[in-house]
Amino acid sequence: MPFKAITFDAYGTLVRNEGLMRVPERIVADHNLSVSVHDVWRVWSDLYFEATQKTPFRTLRQIEEDILRVVLDHFGVRADVAPYVDLFFEVTTKVELYPEVPAVLNALNGVRSAIVSNADREHIAAWDFALPVQCVLISETVRAYKPHPRLFQAALARLGCAPHEVLHVGDSDVDDVKGAKVVGLRVAWVNRNRRPRRADVPTPDFEVANLTELLTLL
């Protein structure tokens, strides 16, 4: 085994995360906007990343309340933001695992593992599945969001490993690849849809199309 431990991102890596587009779709439909759903998505996602990297720390519920208000204002909408915040939490709490996840995690044969996720406690509390990992570290507990080093450093401390002994597995080129490489972890980028990597993101050590391919590295 070339790695003493493995850390996993949750959303988009272990847990399906395809429902987020429902939020901008609802905004466009509710207010009969002439802009495209992708226009709303781009404004929302840019504001999200910026907000997660600011201090002081805020939970995702607090962040979404703030940035979705800005999104509505940006497109000239005067409306209560609460339904869109609630929809965000609906699609990020009522989730399911990718089909290969149980078999892959059970194939680790006792290798220490952890989940590191940009999530609120209410996300994890809503999961109706159990995962065979040693610990789950989320942003609300650590008070930082990936790609900030603190979440990865907390996982290393909990696992008792040096950075070079750990493989991080995640689907975000910025949050997972860039974030983990800064700390010194090796990285397997889960690129399910063959997305291009952003120019400012370092090359991952490995690239896989799904988690089953990860087993060949272990």
N, C-alpha and C. Protein backbone atom coordinates (compact mmCIF):
# COMPACT_ATOMS: atom_id res chain seq x y z
N MET A 1 0.85 -1.20 0.00
CA MET A 1 0.00 0.00 0.00
C MET A 1 0.88 1.24 0.00
N PRO A 2 0.85 2.07 -1.08
CA PRO A 2 1.73 3.24 -1.16
C PRO A 2 1.29 4.40 -0.28
N PHE A 3 0.08 4.35 0.29
CA PHE A 3 -0.43 5.43 1.12
C PHE A 3 -0.83 4.89 2.48
N LYS A 4 -0.52 5.66 3.52
CA LYS A 4 -0.93 5.25 4.86
C LYS A 4 -2.37 5.62 5.17
N ALA A 5 -2.88 6.62 4.46
CA ALA A 5 -4.26 7.05 4.70
C ALA A 5 -4.80 7.74 3.45
N ILE A 6 -6.11 7.83 3.40
CA ILE A 6 -6.80 8.47 2.27
C ILE A 6 -7.84 9.43 2.82
N THR A 7 -7.89 10.62 2.25
CA THR A 7 -8.97 11.55 2.57
C THR A 7 -9.85 11.70 1.34
N PHE A 8 -11.15 11.81 1.59
CA PHE A 8 -12.12 11.92 0.50
C PHE A 8 -12.92 13.21 0.64
N ASP A 9 -13.09 13.91 -0.45
CA ASP A 9 -14.13 14.91 -0.54
C ASP A 9 -15.47 14.18 -0.50
N ALA A 10 -16.54 14.90 -0.14
CA ALA A 10 -17.86 14.27 -0.11
C ALA A 10 -18.66 14.56 -1.36
N TYR A 11 -19.13 15.80 -1.51
CA TYR A 11 -20.05 16.14 -2.59
C TYR A 11 -19.35 16.15 -3.95
N GLY A 12 -19.88 15.36 -4.87
CA GLY A 12 -19.29 15.24 -6.19
C GLY A 12 -18.25 14.14 -6.28
N THR A 13 -17.86 13.60 -5.11
CA THR A 13 -16.87 12.53 -5.07
C THR A 13 -17.50 11.24 -4.55
N LEU A 14 -18.00 11.29 -3.33
CA LEU A 14 -18.72 10.15 -2.75
C LEU A 14 -20.23 10.29 -2.92
N VAL A 15 -20.69 11.52 -2.86
CA VAL A 15 -22.12 11.82 -2.83
C VAL A 15 -22.52 12.56 -4.10
N ARG A 16 -23.59 12.11 -4.72
CA ARG A 16 -24.09 12.78 -5.93
C ARG A 16 -24.46 14.23 -5.61
N ASN A 17 -24.12 15.11 -6.55
CA ASN A 17 -24.31 16.54 -6.30
C ASN A 17 -24.83 17.24 -7.55
N GLU A 18 -25.75 16.58 -8.27
CA GLU A 18 -26.20 17.12 -9.55
C GLU A 18 -27.40 18.06 -9.43
N GLY A 19 -27.97 18.22 -8.23
CA GLY A 19 -29.21 18.95 -8.11
C GLY A 19 -29.09 20.45 -7.94
N LEU A 20 -27.88 20.96 -7.84
CA LEU A 20 -27.72 22.38 -7.53
C LEU A 20 -28.29 23.30 -8.61
N MET A 21 -28.33 22.84 -9.84
CA MET A 21 -28.85 23.68 -10.91
C MET A 21 -30.33 23.99 -10.72
N ARG A 22 -30.99 23.26 -9.84
CA ARG A 22 -32.41 23.54 -9.58
C ARG A 22 -32.60 24.93 -8.98
N VAL A 23 -31.59 25.44 -8.27
CA VAL A 23 -31.73 26.76 -7.64
C VAL A 23 -31.81 27.86 -8.69
N PRO A 24 -30.83 28.00 -9.60
CA PRO A 24 -30.98 29.03 -10.63
C PRO A 24 -32.16 28.77 -11.56
N GLU A 25 -32.49 27.51 -11.81
CA GLU A 25 -33.67 27.21 -12.63
C GLU A 25 -34.92 27.78 -11.98
N ARG A 26 -35.05 27.61 -10.68
CA ARG A 26 -36.23 28.11 -9.97
C ARG A 26 -36.26 29.64 -9.99
N ILE A 27 -35.11 30.26 -9.82
CA ILE A 27 -35.06 31.73 -9.84
C ILE A 27 -35.51 32.26 -11.20
N VAL A 28 -34.99 31.69 -12.27
CA VAL A 28 -35.36 32.13 -13.62
C VAL A 28 -36.85 31.91 -13.87
N ALA A 29 -37.36 30.74 -13.46
CA ALA A 29 -38.77 30.43 -13.71
C ALA A 29 -39.70 31.29 -12.87
N ASP A 30 -39.37 31.47 -11.60
CA ASP A 30 -40.25 32.22 -10.70
C ASP A 30 -40.43 33.67 -11.14
N HIS A 31 -39.39 34.23 -11.75
CA HIS A 31 -39.42 35.66 -12.04
C HIS A 31 -39.37 35.95 -13.54
N ASN A 32 -39.57 34.87 -14.34
CA ASN A 32 -39.65 35.02 -15.79
C ASN A 32 -38.49 35.85 -16.33
N LEU A 33 -37.28 35.51 -15.88
CA LEU A 33 -36.10 36.28 -16.28
C LEU A 33 -35.73 35.98 -17.74
N SER A 34 -35.20 36.98 -18.40
CA SER A 34 -34.78 36.81 -19.80
C SER A 34 -33.36 36.25 -19.89
N VAL A 35 -32.64 36.23 -18.79
CA VAL A 35 -31.28 35.68 -18.79
C VAL A 35 -31.35 34.16 -18.71
N SER A 36 -30.25 33.51 -19.04
CA SER A 36 -30.23 32.05 -19.00
C SER A 36 -29.97 31.55 -17.58
N VAL A 37 -30.33 30.31 -17.36
CA VAL A 37 -30.04 29.65 -16.08
C VAL A 37 -28.54 29.67 -15.80
N HIS A 38 -27.73 29.50 -16.84
CA HIS A 38 -26.28 29.48 -16.66
C HIS A 38 -25.74 30.85 -16.28
N ASP A 39 -26.39 31.93 -16.72
CA ASP A 39 -25.99 33.27 -16.29
C ASP A 39 -26.18 33.41 -14.78
N VAL A 40 -27.31 32.95 -14.29
CA VAL A 40 -27.57 33.01 -12.85
C VAL A 40 -26.60 32.11 -12.10
N TRP A 41 -26.35 30.93 -12.64
CA TRP A 41 -25.42 29.99 -12.01
C TRP A 41 -24.02 30.61 -11.87
N ARG A 42 -23.55 31.27 -12.91
CA ARG A 42 -22.20 31.85 -12.86
C ARG A 42 -22.08 32.92 -11.79
N VAL A 43 -23.08 33.79 -11.70
CA VAL A 43 -23.04 34.83 -10.67
C VAL A 43 -23.07 34.19 -9.29
N TRP A 44 -23.95 33.23 -9.11
CA TRP A 44 -24.09 32.56 -7.82
C TRP A 44 -22.81 31.83 -7.43
N SER A 45 -22.22 31.05 -8.33
CA SER A 45 -21.04 30.27 -7.99
C SER A 45 -19.83 31.15 -7.73
N ASP A 46 -19.69 32.25 -8.46
CA ASP A 46 -18.58 33.18 -8.20
C ASP A 46 -18.71 33.80 -6.82
N LEU A 47 -19.92 34.20 -6.46
CA LEU A 47 -20.16 34.78 -5.13
C LEU A 47 -19.92 33.76 -4.03
N TYR A 48 -20.30 32.51 -4.30
CA TYR A 48 -20.11 31.44 -3.32
C TYR A 48 -18.63 31.25 -2.99
N PHE A 49 -17.80 31.11 -4.02
CA PHE A 49 -16.38 30.88 -3.76
C PHE A 49 -15.77 32.07 -3.01
N GLU A 50 -16.09 33.26 -3.44
CA GLU A 50 -15.56 34.45 -2.77
C GLU A 50 -15.99 34.47 -1.30
N ALA A 51 -17.24 34.14 -1.02
CA ALA A 51 -17.75 34.21 0.34
C ALA A 51 -17.10 33.17 1.24
N THR A 52 -16.81 31.99 0.70
CA THR A 52 -16.23 30.94 1.55
C THR A 52 -14.79 31.23 1.92
N GLN A 53 -14.14 32.12 1.20
CA GLN A 53 -12.74 32.41 1.49
C GLN A 53 -12.56 33.67 2.34
N LYS A 54 -13.65 34.31 2.70
CA LYS A 54 -13.57 35.53 3.52
C LYS A 54 -13.60 35.19 5.00
N THR A 55 -13.09 36.08 5.81
CA THR A 55 -13.21 35.98 7.25
C THR A 55 -14.08 37.13 7.75
N PRO A 56 -14.76 36.97 8.88
CA PRO A 56 -14.81 35.77 9.72
C PRO A 56 -15.63 34.66 9.08
N PHE A 57 -15.44 33.45 9.62
CA PHE A 57 -16.12 32.28 9.10
C PHE A 57 -17.63 32.42 9.25
N ARG A 58 -18.36 31.97 8.22
CA ARG A 58 -19.82 31.87 8.28
C ARG A 58 -20.24 30.48 7.79
N THR A 59 -21.32 29.97 8.33
CA THR A 59 -21.84 28.69 7.86
C THR A 59 -22.37 28.85 6.44
N LEU A 60 -22.59 27.72 5.78
CA LEU A 60 -23.15 27.77 4.44
C LEU A 60 -24.56 28.34 4.43
N ARG A 61 -25.33 28.08 5.48
CA ARG A 61 -26.66 28.67 5.53
C ARG A 61 -26.56 30.19 5.58
N GLN A 62 -25.64 30.72 6.39
CA GLN A 62 -25.46 32.17 6.45
C GLN A 62 -24.96 32.72 5.12
N ILE A 63 -24.02 32.01 4.51
CA ILE A 63 -23.48 32.44 3.22
C ILE A 63 -24.56 32.45 2.15
N GLU A 64 -25.33 31.39 2.07
CA GLU A 64 -26.36 31.32 1.03
C GLU A 64 -27.42 32.39 1.23
N GLU A 65 -27.78 32.69 2.46
CA GLU A 65 -28.74 33.77 2.70
C GLU A 65 -28.21 35.09 2.16
N ASP A 66 -26.92 35.33 2.36
CA ASP A 66 -26.32 36.60 1.90
C ASP A 66 -26.15 36.64 0.39
N ILE A 67 -25.57 35.59 -0.19
CA ILE A 67 -25.22 35.68 -1.60
C ILE A 67 -26.43 35.51 -2.51
N LEU A 68 -27.41 34.72 -2.10
CA LEU A 68 -28.60 34.60 -2.94
C LEU A 68 -29.40 35.90 -2.95
N ARG A 69 -29.30 36.65 -1.88
CA ARG A 69 -29.91 37.99 -1.87
C ARG A 69 -29.22 38.89 -2.90
N VAL A 70 -27.89 38.77 -2.99
CA VAL A 70 -27.13 39.55 -3.97
C VAL A 70 -27.46 39.08 -5.39
N VAL A 71 -27.61 37.78 -5.58
CA VAL A 71 -27.97 37.24 -6.90
C VAL A 71 -29.30 37.82 -7.36
N LEU A 72 -30.30 37.77 -6.49
CA LEU A 72 -31.61 38.31 -6.86
C LEU A 72 -31.51 39.79 -7.21
N ASP A 73 -30.78 40.53 -6.40
CA ASP A 73 -30.63 41.96 -6.66
C ASP A 73 -29.91 42.21 -7.98
N HIS A 74 -28.90 41.38 -8.27
CA HIS A 74 -28.12 41.53 -9.51
C HIS A 74 -29.03 41.44 -10.74
N PHE A 75 -30.04 40.58 -10.67
CA PHE A 75 -30.93 40.40 -11.81
C PHE A 75 -32.24 41.18 -11.65
N GLY A 76 -32.23 42.14 -10.75
CA GLY A 76 -33.36 43.04 -10.60
C GLY A 76 -34.58 42.43 -9.96
N VAL A 77 -34.39 41.41 -9.15
CA VAL A 77 -35.50 40.72 -8.51
C VAL A 77 -35.64 41.21 -7.07
N ARG A 78 -36.84 41.56 -6.69
CA ARG A 78 -37.14 41.92 -5.30
C ARG A 78 -38.03 40.83 -4.74
N ALA A 79 -37.47 39.92 -3.99
CA ALA A 79 -38.23 38.79 -3.49
C ALA A 79 -37.56 38.24 -2.24
N ASP A 80 -38.31 37.46 -1.49
CA ASP A 80 -37.79 36.79 -0.30
C ASP A 80 -36.78 35.73 -0.73
N VAL A 81 -35.63 35.74 -0.11
CA VAL A 81 -34.57 34.80 -0.47
C VAL A 81 -34.78 33.43 0.16
N ALA A 82 -35.61 33.34 1.19
CA ALA A 82 -35.73 32.10 1.96
C ALA A 82 -36.08 30.87 1.13
N PRO A 83 -37.00 30.94 0.15
CA PRO A 83 -37.31 29.72 -0.61
C PRO A 83 -36.11 29.16 -1.37
N TYR A 84 -35.20 30.03 -1.81
CA TYR A 84 -34.04 29.57 -2.57
C TYR A 84 -32.96 29.02 -1.64
N VAL A 85 -32.85 29.58 -0.45
CA VAL A 85 -31.94 29.01 0.55
C VAL A 85 -32.44 27.63 0.95
N ASP A 86 -33.74 27.52 1.19
CA ASP A 86 -34.31 26.23 1.57
C ASP A 86 -34.12 25.20 0.45
N LEU A 87 -34.26 25.63 -0.80
CA LEU A 87 -34.06 24.71 -1.92
C LEU A 87 -32.61 24.24 -1.98
N PHE A 88 -31.68 25.15 -1.75
CA PHE A 88 -30.27 24.76 -1.71
C PHE A 88 -30.04 23.65 -0.69
N PHE A 89 -30.61 23.81 0.50
CA PHE A 89 -30.41 22.79 1.53
C PHE A 89 -31.20 21.52 1.24
N GLU A 90 -32.30 21.65 0.54
CA GLU A 90 -33.03 20.44 0.14
C GLU A 90 -32.19 19.59 -0.79
N VAL A 91 -31.59 20.21 -1.79
CA VAL A 91 -30.84 19.42 -2.79
C VAL A 91 -29.48 18.97 -2.26
N THR A 92 -28.99 19.58 -1.19
CA THR A 92 -27.68 19.17 -0.66
C THR A 92 -27.80 18.31 0.60
N THR A 93 -29.01 18.06 1.05
CA THR A 93 -29.19 17.15 2.19
C THR A 93 -29.89 15.86 1.78
N LYS A 94 -30.78 15.92 0.79
CA LYS A 94 -31.45 14.71 0.30
C LYS A 94 -30.62 14.14 -0.84
N VAL A 95 -29.58 13.40 -0.46
CA VAL A 95 -28.58 12.96 -1.43
C VAL A 95 -28.37 11.46 -1.34
N GLU A 96 -27.68 10.92 -2.33
CA GLU A 96 -27.35 9.51 -2.33
C GLU A 96 -25.91 9.32 -2.78
N LEU A 97 -25.35 8.17 -2.44
CA LEU A 97 -23.98 7.86 -2.81
C LEU A 97 -23.90 7.47 -4.28
N TYR A 98 -22.74 7.72 -4.89
CA TYR A 98 -22.47 7.12 -6.19
C TYR A 98 -22.47 5.60 -6.01
N PRO A 99 -22.91 4.86 -7.01
CA PRO A 99 -23.11 3.41 -6.81
C PRO A 99 -21.85 2.63 -6.44
N GLU A 100 -20.67 3.11 -6.86
CA GLU A 100 -19.46 2.34 -6.58
C GLU A 100 -18.87 2.60 -5.20
N VAL A 101 -19.41 3.57 -4.48
CA VAL A 101 -18.79 4.01 -3.23
C VAL A 101 -18.69 2.91 -2.18
N PRO A 102 -19.76 2.19 -1.82
CA PRO A 102 -19.62 1.18 -0.76
C PRO A 102 -18.54 0.15 -1.06
N ALA A 103 -18.51 -0.35 -2.29
CA ALA A 103 -17.51 -1.37 -2.63
C ALA A 103 -16.10 -0.81 -2.55
N VAL A 104 -15.91 0.41 -3.01
CA VAL A 104 -14.57 1.00 -2.99
C VAL A 104 -14.10 1.24 -1.55
N LEU A 105 -14.95 1.81 -0.72
CA LEU A 105 -14.55 2.08 0.66
C LEU A 105 -14.29 0.78 1.42
N ASN A 106 -15.08 -0.24 1.17
CA ASN A 106 -14.88 -1.52 1.85
C ASN A 106 -13.64 -2.24 1.36
N ALA A 107 -13.15 -1.86 0.17
CA ALA A 107 -11.94 -2.49 -0.38
C ALA A 107 -10.66 -1.88 0.17
N LEU A 108 -10.77 -0.84 0.99
CA LEU A 108 -9.57 -0.21 1.53
C LEU A 108 -8.86 -1.07 2.56
N ASN A 109 -9.52 -2.11 3.03
CA ASN A 109 -8.89 -3.12 3.90
C ASN A 109 -8.20 -2.51 5.11
N GLY A 110 -8.92 -1.64 5.80
CA GLY A 110 -8.39 -1.12 7.06
C GLY A 110 -7.49 0.09 6.94
N VAL A 111 -7.20 0.55 5.72
CA VAL A 111 -6.41 1.77 5.55
C VAL A 111 -7.19 2.93 6.17
N ARG A 112 -6.53 3.74 6.97
CA ARG A 112 -7.20 4.86 7.61
C ARG A 112 -7.76 5.82 6.57
N SER A 113 -8.92 6.35 6.86
CA SER A 113 -9.56 7.24 5.90
C SER A 113 -10.38 8.29 6.63
N ALA A 114 -10.61 9.40 5.93
CA ALA A 114 -11.39 10.50 6.48
C ALA A 114 -12.12 11.20 5.35
N ILE A 115 -13.21 11.85 5.70
CA ILE A 115 -13.92 12.72 4.77
C ILE A 115 -13.64 14.16 5.16
N VAL A 116 -13.32 14.99 4.17
CA VAL A 116 -13.13 16.43 4.40
C VAL A 116 -14.08 17.16 3.45
N SER A 117 -15.04 17.87 4.01
CA SER A 117 -16.12 18.40 3.19
C SER A 117 -16.48 19.82 3.57
N ASN A 118 -16.73 20.63 2.55
CA ASN A 118 -17.31 21.96 2.77
C ASN A 118 -18.80 21.77 3.04
N ALA A 119 -19.17 21.68 4.30
CA ALA A 119 -20.55 21.37 4.65
C ALA A 119 -20.87 21.91 6.03
N ASP A 120 -22.17 22.14 6.25
CA ASP A 120 -22.68 22.46 7.58
C ASP A 120 -23.04 21.17 8.31
N ARG A 121 -23.20 21.28 9.61
CA ARG A 121 -23.58 20.10 10.39
C ARG A 121 -24.92 19.54 9.93
N GLU A 122 -25.82 20.42 9.49
CA GLU A 122 -27.13 19.93 9.07
C GLU A 122 -27.04 19.07 7.81
N HIS A 123 -26.01 19.26 7.00
CA HIS A 123 -25.81 18.38 5.85
C HIS A 123 -25.51 16.96 6.32
N ILE A 124 -24.52 16.83 7.19
CA ILE A 124 -24.08 15.51 7.62
C ILE A 124 -25.18 14.82 8.43
N ALA A 125 -25.89 15.60 9.23
CA ALA A 125 -26.97 15.02 10.04
C ALA A 125 -28.08 14.43 9.18
N ALA A 126 -28.23 14.94 7.96
CA ALA A 126 -29.31 14.47 7.08
C ALA A 126 -28.93 13.22 6.28
N TRP A 127 -27.64 12.87 6.23
CA TRP A 127 -27.26 11.69 5.46
C TRP A 127 -27.94 10.46 6.04
N ASP A 128 -28.54 9.64 5.19
CA ASP A 128 -29.20 8.43 5.67
C ASP A 128 -28.37 7.19 5.35
N PHE A 129 -27.06 7.36 5.27
CA PHE A 129 -26.14 6.25 5.04
C PHE A 129 -24.94 6.43 5.96
N ALA A 130 -24.30 5.33 6.25
CA ALA A 130 -23.08 5.34 7.07
C ALA A 130 -21.89 4.99 6.18
N LEU A 131 -20.76 5.62 6.44
CA LEU A 131 -19.57 5.38 5.64
C LEU A 131 -18.45 4.84 6.54
N PRO A 132 -17.73 3.80 6.08
CA PRO A 132 -16.69 3.19 6.91
C PRO A 132 -15.39 3.99 6.89
N VAL A 133 -15.43 5.17 7.50
CA VAL A 133 -14.24 6.02 7.60
C VAL A 133 -13.99 6.34 9.07
N GLN A 134 -12.75 6.73 9.37
CA GLN A 134 -12.39 7.00 10.76
C GLN A 134 -12.98 8.30 11.29
N CYS A 135 -13.13 9.29 10.41
CA CYS A 135 -13.68 10.56 10.87
C CYS A 135 -14.23 11.35 9.69
N VAL A 136 -15.15 12.26 10.01
CA VAL A 136 -15.72 13.19 9.04
C VAL A 136 -15.45 14.60 9.54
N LEU A 137 -14.68 15.35 8.76
CA LEU A 137 -14.34 16.72 9.13
C LEU A 137 -15.03 17.67 8.16
N ILE A 138 -15.79 18.60 8.72
CA ILE A 138 -16.55 19.53 7.88
C ILE A 138 -16.14 20.96 8.19
N SER A 139 -16.47 21.83 7.27
CA SER A 139 -16.05 23.23 7.40
C SER A 139 -16.62 23.89 8.65
N GLU A 140 -17.87 23.57 9.01
CA GLU A 140 -18.45 24.23 10.17
C GLU A 140 -17.69 23.88 11.45
N THR A 141 -17.15 22.67 11.53
CA THR A 141 -16.39 22.27 12.71
C THR A 141 -15.00 22.88 12.71
N VAL A 142 -14.33 22.84 11.56
CA VAL A 142 -12.95 23.33 11.46
C VAL A 142 -12.90 24.84 11.30
N ARG A 143 -14.01 25.45 10.88
CA ARG A 143 -14.12 26.90 10.67
C ARG A 143 -13.28 27.37 9.50
N ALA A 144 -13.29 26.59 8.44
CA ALA A 144 -12.59 26.96 7.20
C ALA A 144 -13.15 26.12 6.08
N TYR A 145 -13.06 26.66 4.87
CA TYR A 145 -13.51 25.96 3.67
C TYR A 145 -12.32 25.63 2.78
N LYS A 146 -12.35 24.43 2.18
CA LYS A 146 -11.38 24.17 1.14
C LYS A 146 -11.53 25.23 0.04
N PRO A 147 -10.44 25.65 -0.58
CA PRO A 147 -9.09 25.09 -0.54
C PRO A 147 -8.19 25.59 0.60
N HIS A 148 -8.74 26.25 1.62
CA HIS A 148 -7.93 26.69 2.74
C HIS A 148 -7.22 25.48 3.35
N PRO A 149 -5.94 25.61 3.72
CA PRO A 149 -5.19 24.46 4.24
C PRO A 149 -5.75 23.86 5.53
N ARG A 150 -6.52 24.64 6.30
CA ARG A 150 -6.87 24.20 7.66
C ARG A 150 -7.66 22.89 7.67
N LEU A 151 -8.54 22.70 6.69
CA LEU A 151 -9.34 21.47 6.68
C LEU A 151 -8.45 20.25 6.42
N PHE A 152 -7.51 20.38 5.50
CA PHE A 152 -6.59 19.28 5.23
C PHE A 152 -5.65 19.04 6.41
N GLN A 153 -5.18 20.10 7.02
CA GLN A 153 -4.28 19.96 8.17
C GLN A 153 -4.98 19.29 9.34
N ALA A 154 -6.26 19.60 9.53
CA ALA A 154 -7.02 18.95 10.60
C ALA A 154 -7.15 17.45 10.34
N ALA A 155 -7.34 17.08 9.08
CA ALA A 155 -7.43 15.66 8.75
C ALA A 155 -6.11 14.95 8.99
N LEU A 156 -5.00 15.58 8.61
CA LEU A 156 -3.69 14.99 8.86
C LEU A 156 -3.46 14.76 10.34
N ALA A 157 -3.83 15.73 11.15
CA ALA A 157 -3.65 15.60 12.60
C ALA A 157 -4.51 14.46 13.15
N ARG A 158 -5.74 14.36 12.67
CA ARG A 158 -6.63 13.31 13.16
C ARG A 158 -6.14 11.92 12.73
N LEU A 159 -5.57 11.83 11.52
CA LEU A 159 -5.09 10.55 11.01
C LEU A 159 -3.69 10.21 11.50
N GLY A 160 -2.98 11.20 12.03
CA GLY A 160 -1.62 10.97 12.51
C GLY A 160 -0.63 10.69 11.40
N CYS A 161 -0.77 11.40 10.29
CA CYS A 161 0.08 11.16 9.12
C CYS A 161 0.76 12.43 8.66
N ALA A 162 1.90 12.26 8.00
CA ALA A 162 2.56 13.36 7.31
C ALA A 162 1.88 13.56 5.94
N PRO A 163 1.95 14.76 5.37
CA PRO A 163 1.26 15.01 4.10
C PRO A 163 1.60 14.02 3.00
N HIS A 164 2.88 13.67 2.85
CA HIS A 164 3.27 12.80 1.73
C HIS A 164 2.76 11.37 1.90
N GLU A 165 2.24 11.04 3.07
CA GLU A 165 1.74 9.69 3.32
C GLU A 165 0.25 9.54 2.97
N VAL A 166 -0.36 10.65 2.56
CA VAL A 166 -1.81 10.67 2.39
C VAL A 166 -2.19 10.97 0.94
N LEU A 167 -3.18 10.25 0.44
CA LEU A 167 -3.78 10.53 -0.87
C LEU A 167 -5.12 11.22 -0.63
N HIS A 168 -5.29 12.37 -1.24
CA HIS A 168 -6.60 13.03 -1.19
C HIS A 168 -7.34 12.77 -2.49
N VAL A 169 -8.63 12.46 -2.38
CA VAL A 169 -9.47 12.12 -3.53
C VAL A 169 -10.62 13.12 -3.59
N GLY A 170 -10.73 13.84 -4.70
CA GLY A 170 -11.81 14.82 -4.80
C GLY A 170 -12.08 15.22 -6.23
N ASP A 171 -13.25 15.84 -6.43
CA ASP A 171 -13.68 16.17 -7.80
C ASP A 171 -13.43 17.62 -8.19
N SER A 172 -13.16 18.50 -7.23
CA SER A 172 -12.97 19.92 -7.55
C SER A 172 -11.50 20.20 -7.84
N ASP A 173 -11.24 20.79 -9.00
CA ASP A 173 -9.83 21.09 -9.30
C ASP A 173 -9.28 22.16 -8.36
N VAL A 174 -10.11 23.11 -7.94
CA VAL A 174 -9.63 24.16 -7.04
C VAL A 174 -9.65 23.68 -5.59
N ASP A 175 -10.84 23.31 -5.09
CA ASP A 175 -10.97 22.93 -3.68
C ASP A 175 -10.12 21.74 -3.32
N ASP A 176 -10.10 20.72 -4.18
CA ASP A 176 -9.44 19.47 -3.84
C ASP A 176 -8.02 19.37 -4.38
N VAL A 177 -7.84 19.56 -5.68
CA VAL A 177 -6.50 19.42 -6.25
C VAL A 177 -5.59 20.55 -5.75
N LYS A 178 -5.99 21.77 -5.98
CA LYS A 178 -5.15 22.90 -5.58
C LYS A 178 -4.98 22.97 -4.07
N GLY A 179 -6.09 22.79 -3.34
CA GLY A 179 -6.03 22.87 -1.89
C GLY A 179 -5.14 21.82 -1.27
N ALA A 180 -5.29 20.58 -1.70
CA ALA A 180 -4.50 19.50 -1.11
C ALA A 180 -3.03 19.57 -1.51
N LYS A 181 -2.75 19.97 -2.75
CA LYS A 181 -1.35 20.05 -3.19
C LYS A 181 -0.59 21.13 -2.42
N VAL A 182 -1.26 22.21 -2.08
CA VAL A 182 -0.60 23.27 -1.29
C VAL A 182 -0.11 22.71 0.04
N VAL A 183 -0.87 21.80 0.62
CA VAL A 183 -0.52 21.23 1.92
C VAL A 183 0.53 20.12 1.77
N GLY A 184 0.69 19.59 0.58
CA GLY A 184 1.69 18.55 0.35
C GLY A 184 1.14 17.15 0.19
N LEU A 185 -0.19 17.03 0.10
CA LEU A 185 -0.79 15.72 -0.13
C LEU A 185 -0.68 15.34 -1.60
N ARG A 186 -0.64 14.04 -1.86
CA ARG A 186 -0.83 13.58 -3.22
C ARG A 186 -2.33 13.55 -3.51
N VAL A 187 -2.67 13.73 -4.78
CA VAL A 187 -4.09 13.94 -5.12
C VAL A 187 -4.51 13.07 -6.29
N ALA A 188 -5.69 12.45 -6.14
CA ALA A 188 -6.37 11.79 -7.26
C ALA A 188 -7.59 12.64 -7.59
N TRP A 189 -7.59 13.21 -8.78
CA TRP A 189 -8.70 14.06 -9.22
C TRP A 189 -9.77 13.19 -9.86
N VAL A 190 -10.96 13.20 -9.29
CA VAL A 190 -12.09 12.45 -9.85
C VAL A 190 -12.77 13.34 -10.88
N ASN A 191 -12.51 13.07 -12.12
CA ASN A 191 -13.01 13.90 -13.21
C ASN A 191 -14.03 13.09 -14.01
N ARG A 192 -15.24 13.02 -13.48
CA ARG A 192 -16.27 12.17 -14.06
C ARG A 192 -16.72 12.63 -15.45
N ASN A 193 -16.65 13.92 -15.71
CA ASN A 193 -17.19 14.47 -16.95
C ASN A 193 -16.11 15.00 -17.90
N ARG A 194 -14.86 14.62 -17.66
CA ARG A 194 -13.76 15.04 -18.54
C ARG A 194 -13.67 16.56 -18.65
N ARG A 195 -13.80 17.24 -17.52
CA ARG A 195 -13.71 18.69 -17.52
C ARG A 195 -12.25 19.14 -17.69
N PRO A 196 -12.02 20.26 -18.35
CA PRO A 196 -10.66 20.80 -18.40
C PRO A 196 -10.26 21.35 -17.03
N ARG A 197 -9.01 21.25 -16.71
CA ARG A 197 -8.51 21.79 -15.44
C ARG A 197 -8.21 23.27 -15.61
N ARG A 198 -8.53 24.06 -14.60
CA ARG A 198 -8.23 25.50 -14.65
C ARG A 198 -6.73 25.71 -14.76
N ALA A 199 -6.35 26.78 -15.42
CA ALA A 199 -4.94 27.02 -15.74
C ALA A 199 -4.08 27.19 -14.49
N ASP A 200 -4.67 27.71 -13.42
CA ASP A 200 -3.88 27.98 -12.22
C ASP A 200 -3.88 26.82 -11.24
N VAL A 201 -4.40 25.67 -11.65
CA VAL A 201 -4.45 24.49 -10.78
C VAL A 201 -3.30 23.56 -11.14
N PRO A 202 -2.53 23.11 -10.15
CA PRO A 202 -1.42 22.20 -10.46
C PRO A 202 -1.92 20.85 -10.97
N THR A 203 -1.04 20.15 -11.64
CA THR A 203 -1.38 18.84 -12.18
C THR A 203 -1.59 17.85 -11.04
N PRO A 204 -2.72 17.14 -11.00
CA PRO A 204 -2.90 16.13 -9.96
C PRO A 204 -1.95 14.96 -10.19
N ASP A 205 -1.70 14.21 -9.14
CA ASP A 205 -0.84 13.03 -9.27
C ASP A 205 -1.52 11.95 -10.10
N PHE A 206 -2.84 11.88 -9.98
CA PHE A 206 -3.62 10.88 -10.71
C PHE A 206 -4.92 11.54 -11.16
N GLU A 207 -5.51 11.01 -12.23
CA GLU A 207 -6.82 11.44 -12.67
C GLU A 207 -7.65 10.20 -12.97
N VAL A 208 -8.84 10.11 -12.37
CA VAL A 208 -9.69 8.94 -12.56
C VAL A 208 -11.08 9.41 -12.97
N ALA A 209 -11.79 8.56 -13.71
CA ALA A 209 -13.13 8.90 -14.17
C ALA A 209 -14.19 8.50 -13.15
N ASN A 210 -13.83 7.61 -12.23
CA ASN A 210 -14.75 7.20 -11.16
C ASN A 210 -13.92 6.57 -10.05
N LEU A 211 -14.58 6.27 -8.94
CA LEU A 211 -13.83 5.77 -7.80
C LEU A 211 -13.36 4.34 -7.97
N THR A 212 -14.00 3.58 -8.84
CA THR A 212 -13.53 2.22 -9.09
C THR A 212 -12.11 2.22 -9.63
N GLU A 213 -11.79 3.19 -10.49
CA GLU A 213 -10.44 3.31 -11.02
C GLU A 213 -9.43 3.60 -9.92
N LEU A 214 -9.89 4.17 -8.82
CA LEU A 214 -9.00 4.48 -7.71
C LEU A 214 -8.34 3.20 -7.16
N LEU A 215 -9.04 2.10 -7.22
CA LEU A 215 -8.52 0.86 -6.63
C LEU A 215 -7.25 0.40 -7.31
N THR A 216 -7.05 0.77 -8.58
CA THR A 216 -5.81 0.36 -9.27
C THR A 216 -4.60 1.10 -8.70
N LEU A 217 -4.84 2.24 -8.04
CA LEU A 217 -3.72 2.99 -7.46
C LEU A 217 -3.33 2.44 -6.09
N LEU A 218 -4.19 1.64 -5.52
CA LEU A 218 -3.99 1.19 -4.14
C LEU A 218 -3.45 -0.21 -4.03
